[in-house]
C-alpha cells in the first residue's frame, strides 16, 4: 500500500474568509469542494490541497503544526499578509540561512514567513 500526503485541513469559523486569504497568499485556486467546505487545489496537484473545514468554535491556543511560506523579501511578505487581513505577531528569528517571522491568518492560525539567504 502506497501512502501519499494529499492535504492539510484547517478548522475555520469563517471558511470563505480564511480560504480567500490563503488562496491569494499562495496563489492557489479553488478546486472542487463539498458544501460549506473550501478546497484549494485538486487531488492530482503536485502540492497537497489546503482544505478549509467549518467549525463552530474559534481557534483557542497554539496549534502544534503550522505552514512555512517562503518569500523573496520578508518585509514585503509581512506587508502582503497584513494587507490580506493577517497579522504579524512581532516574533522574528534571524538565522545564518535566513529569517523567519511568525504571522497569523484572519482567524489567528499561526504560520511562518521564511526568507532564505
C-alpha atoms as a PDB file:
ATOM      1  CA  UNK A   1       0.000   0.000   0.000  1.00  0.00           C
ATOM      2  CA  UNK A   2       1.438   3.377  -1.010  1.00  0.00           C
ATOM      3  CA  UNK A   3       0.792   6.331   1.270  1.00  0.00           C
ATOM      4  CA  UNK A   4       0.581   9.797  -0.205  1.00  0.00           C
ATOM      5  CA  UNK A   5       0.187  13.167   1.519  1.00  0.00           C
ATOM      6  CA  UNK A   6      -2.850  14.817  -0.112  1.00  0.00           C
ATOM      7  CA  UNK A   7      -3.781  17.763   2.071  1.00  0.00           C
ATOM      8  CA  UNK A   8      -3.773  19.898   5.179  1.00  0.00           C
ATOM      9  CA  UNK A   9      -7.109  20.676   6.830  1.00  0.00           C
ATOM     10  CA  UNK A  10      -7.705  23.958   8.654  1.00  0.00           C
ATOM     11  CA  UNK A  11     -10.665  24.366  11.035  1.00  0.00           C
ATOM     12  CA  UNK A  12     -12.401  27.744  10.478  1.00  0.00           C
ATOM     13  CA  UNK A  13     -15.407  29.634  11.753  1.00  0.00           C
ATOM     14  CA  UNK A  14     -15.481  31.750   8.554  1.00  0.00           C
ATOM     15  CA  UNK A  15     -14.391  29.269   5.888  1.00  0.00           C
ATOM     16  CA  UNK A  16     -14.797  31.696   2.985  1.00  0.00           C
ATOM     17  CA  UNK A  17     -12.684  34.453   4.573  1.00  0.00           C
ATOM     18  CA  UNK A  18      -9.845  32.169   5.631  1.00  0.00           C
ATOM     19  CA  UNK A  19      -9.839  30.257   2.317  1.00  0.00           C
ATOM     20  CA  UNK A  20      -9.756  33.533   0.356  1.00  0.00           C
ATOM     21  CA  UNK A  21      -6.775  34.716   2.448  1.00  0.00           C
ATOM     22  CA  UNK A  22      -4.771  31.568   1.717  1.00  0.00           C
ATOM     23  CA  UNK A  23      -5.875  31.426  -1.921  1.00  0.00           C
ATOM     24  CA  UNK A  24      -4.460  34.899  -2.589  1.00  0.00           C
ATOM     25  CA  UNK A  25      -1.374  34.465  -0.407  1.00  0.00           C
ATOM     26  CA  UNK A  26      -0.346  31.193  -2.053  1.00  0.00           C
ATOM     27  CA  UNK A  27      -1.845  31.846  -5.500  1.00  0.00           C
ATOM     28  CA  UNK A  28      -3.784  28.575  -5.199  1.00  0.00           C
ATOM     29  CA  UNK A  29      -7.150  28.438  -6.971  1.00  0.00           C
ATOM     30  CA  UNK A  30     -10.192  26.748  -5.529  1.00  0.00           C
ATOM     31  CA  UNK A  31     -10.815  23.206  -6.571  1.00  0.00           C
ATOM     32  CA  UNK A  32     -13.964  21.118  -6.350  1.00  0.00           C
ATOM     33  CA  UNK A  33     -15.345  21.498  -2.820  1.00  0.00           C
ATOM     34  CA  UNK A  34     -18.028  19.977  -0.635  1.00  0.00           C
ATOM     35  CA  UNK A  35     -20.909  22.203   0.563  1.00  0.00           C
ATOM     36  CA  UNK A  36     -19.665  24.511   3.336  1.00  0.00           C
ATOM     37  CA  UNK A  37     -16.046  23.482   2.790  1.00  0.00           C
ATOM     38  CA  UNK A  38     -13.425  25.051   0.520  1.00  0.00           C
ATOM     39  CA  UNK A  39     -10.564  23.146  -1.127  1.00  0.00           C
ATOM     40  CA  UNK A  40      -7.587  24.954  -2.656  1.00  0.00           C
ATOM     41  CA  UNK A  41      -6.103  22.835  -5.387  1.00  0.00           C
ATOM     42  CA  UNK A  42      -7.002  19.412  -6.737  1.00  0.00           C
ATOM     43  CA  UNK A  43      -6.195  15.879  -5.612  1.00  0.00           C
ATOM     44  CA  UNK A  44      -3.851  15.365  -8.571  1.00  0.00           C
ATOM     45  CA  UNK A  45      -1.865  18.610  -7.982  1.00  0.00           C
ATOM     46  CA  UNK A  46       1.849  18.244  -7.211  1.00  0.00           C
ATOM     47  CA  UNK A  47       1.281  20.124  -3.922  1.00  0.00           C
ATOM     48  CA  UNK A  48      -1.138  18.905  -1.251  1.00  0.00           C
ATOM     49  CA  UNK A  49      -4.538  20.583  -1.181  1.00  0.00           C
ATOM     50  CA  UNK A  50      -5.471  23.025   1.567  1.00  0.00           C
ATOM     51  CA  UNK A  51      -8.873  22.116   2.960  1.00  0.00           C
ATOM     52  CA  UNK A  52     -10.932  24.583   4.996  1.00  0.00           C
ATOM     53  CA  UNK A  53     -13.431  22.845   7.263  1.00  0.00           C
ATOM     54  CA  UNK A  54     -16.260  24.674   9.047  1.00  0.00           C
ATOM     55  CA  UNK A  55     -16.319  24.550  12.848  1.00  0.00           C
ATOM     56  CA  UNK A  56     -18.406  26.470  15.379  1.00  0.00           C
ATOM     57  CA  UNK A  57     -15.715  27.330  17.919  1.00  0.00           C
ATOM     58  CA  UNK A  58     -12.837  29.788  17.277  1.00  0.00           C
ATOM     59  CA  UNK A  59      -9.164  28.848  17.479  1.00  0.00           C
ATOM     60  CA  UNK A  60      -8.023  28.745  21.121  1.00  0.00           C
ATOM     61  CA  UNK A  61      -4.342  28.394  21.822  1.00  0.00           C
ATOM     62  CA  UNK A  62      -1.324  27.405  19.828  1.00  0.00           C
ATOM     63  CA  UNK A  63      -1.632  24.598  17.308  1.00  0.00           C
ATOM     64  CA  UNK A  64       1.455  22.387  17.196  1.00  0.00           C
ATOM     65  CA  UNK A  65       1.530  22.217  13.400  1.00  0.00           C
ATOM     66  CA  UNK A  66       1.950  25.190  11.074  1.00  0.00           C
ATOM     67  CA  UNK A  67       2.830  26.045   7.487  1.00  0.00           C
ATOM     68  CA  UNK A  68       6.065  27.727   6.388  1.00  0.00           C
ATOM     69  CA  UNK A  69       5.676  30.086   3.422  1.00  0.00           C
ATOM     70  CA  UNK A  70       8.864  31.112   1.586  1.00  0.00           C
ATOM     71  CA  UNK A  71       9.076  34.713   0.358  1.00  0.00           C
ATOM     72  CA  UNK A  72      11.717  36.635  -1.596  1.00  0.00           C
ATOM     73  CA  UNK A  73      11.547  39.683   0.701  1.00  0.00           C
ATOM     74  CA  UNK A  74      10.450  39.367   4.329  1.00  0.00           C
ATOM     75  CA  UNK A  75       9.233  42.973   4.676  1.00  0.00           C
ATOM     76  CA  UNK A  76       7.131  42.733   1.508  1.00  0.00           C
ATOM     77  CA  UNK A  77       5.815  39.373   2.720  1.00  0.00           C
ATOM     78  CA  UNK A  78       4.737  40.884   6.045  1.00  0.00           C
ATOM     79  CA  UNK A  79       3.039  43.768   4.232  1.00  0.00           C
ATOM     80  CA  UNK A  80       1.233  41.368   1.885  1.00  0.00           C
ATOM     81  CA  UNK A  81      -0.061  39.195   4.737  1.00  0.00           C
ATOM     82  CA  UNK A  82      -1.295  42.188   6.741  1.00  0.00           C
ATOM     83  CA  UNK A  83      -2.980  43.698   3.657  1.00  0.00           C
ATOM     84  CA  UNK A  84      -4.884  40.404   3.268  1.00  0.00           C
ATOM     85  CA  UNK A  85      -6.138  40.571   6.865  1.00  0.00           C
ATOM     86  CA  UNK A  86      -3.397  38.594   8.596  1.00  0.00           C
ATOM     87  CA  UNK A  87      -1.206  39.812  11.437  1.00  0.00           C
ATOM     88  CA  UNK A  88       2.499  39.962  12.306  1.00  0.00           C
ATOM     89  CA  UNK A  89       2.916  38.614  15.845  1.00  0.00           C
ATOM     90  CA  UNK A  90       6.149  40.511  16.424  1.00  0.00           C
ATOM     91  CA  UNK A  91       8.113  37.261  16.669  1.00  0.00           C
ATOM     92  CA  UNK A  92      11.199  37.215  14.431  1.00  0.00           C
ATOM     93  CA  UNK A  93      14.137  34.805  14.290  1.00  0.00           C
ATOM     94  CA  UNK A  94      17.341  35.567  12.380  1.00  0.00           C
ATOM     95  CA  UNK A  95      19.482  32.586  11.408  1.00  0.00           C
ATOM     96  CA  UNK A  96      22.562  32.156   9.202  1.00  0.00           C
ATOM     97  CA  UNK A  97      20.376  30.655   6.449  1.00  0.00           C
ATOM     98  CA  UNK A  98      17.627  33.283   6.632  1.00  0.00           C
ATOM     99  CA  UNK A  99      14.921  34.976   8.640  1.00  0.00           C
ATOM    100  CA  UNK A 100      11.648  33.578   9.989  1.00  0.00           C
ATOM    101  CA  UNK A 101       8.698  35.673  11.188  1.00  0.00           C
ATOM    102  CA  UNK A 102       5.553  34.351  12.823  1.00  0.00           C
ATOM    103  CA  UNK A 103       2.304  35.540  11.251  1.00  0.00           C
ATOM    104  CA  UNK A 104      -1.369  34.677  11.664  1.00  0.00           C
ATOM    105  CA  UNK A 105      -4.223  34.434   9.194  1.00  0.00           C
ATOM    106  CA  UNK A 106      -7.553  36.247   9.837  1.00  0.00           C
ATOM    107  CA  UNK A 107      -8.620  33.597  12.396  1.00  0.00           C
ATOM    108  CA  UNK A 108      -5.277  33.593  14.236  1.00  0.00           C
ATOM    109  CA  UNK A 109      -3.896  30.369  12.734  1.00  0.00           C
ATOM    110  CA  UNK A 110      -0.134  30.834  13.112  1.00  0.00           C
ATOM    111  CA  UNK A 111       2.266  30.286  10.216  1.00  0.00           C
ATOM    112  CA  UNK A 112       5.791  31.388   9.357  1.00  0.00           C
ATOM    113  CA  UNK A 113       7.108  33.536   6.554  1.00  0.00           C
ATOM    114  CA  UNK A 114      10.639  32.467   5.695  1.00  0.00           C
ATOM    115  CA  UNK A 115      13.216  34.349   3.616  1.00  0.00           C
ATOM    116  CA  UNK A 116      16.204  32.169   2.807  1.00  0.00           C
ATOM    117  CA  UNK A 117      19.534  33.859   2.002  1.00  0.00           C
END
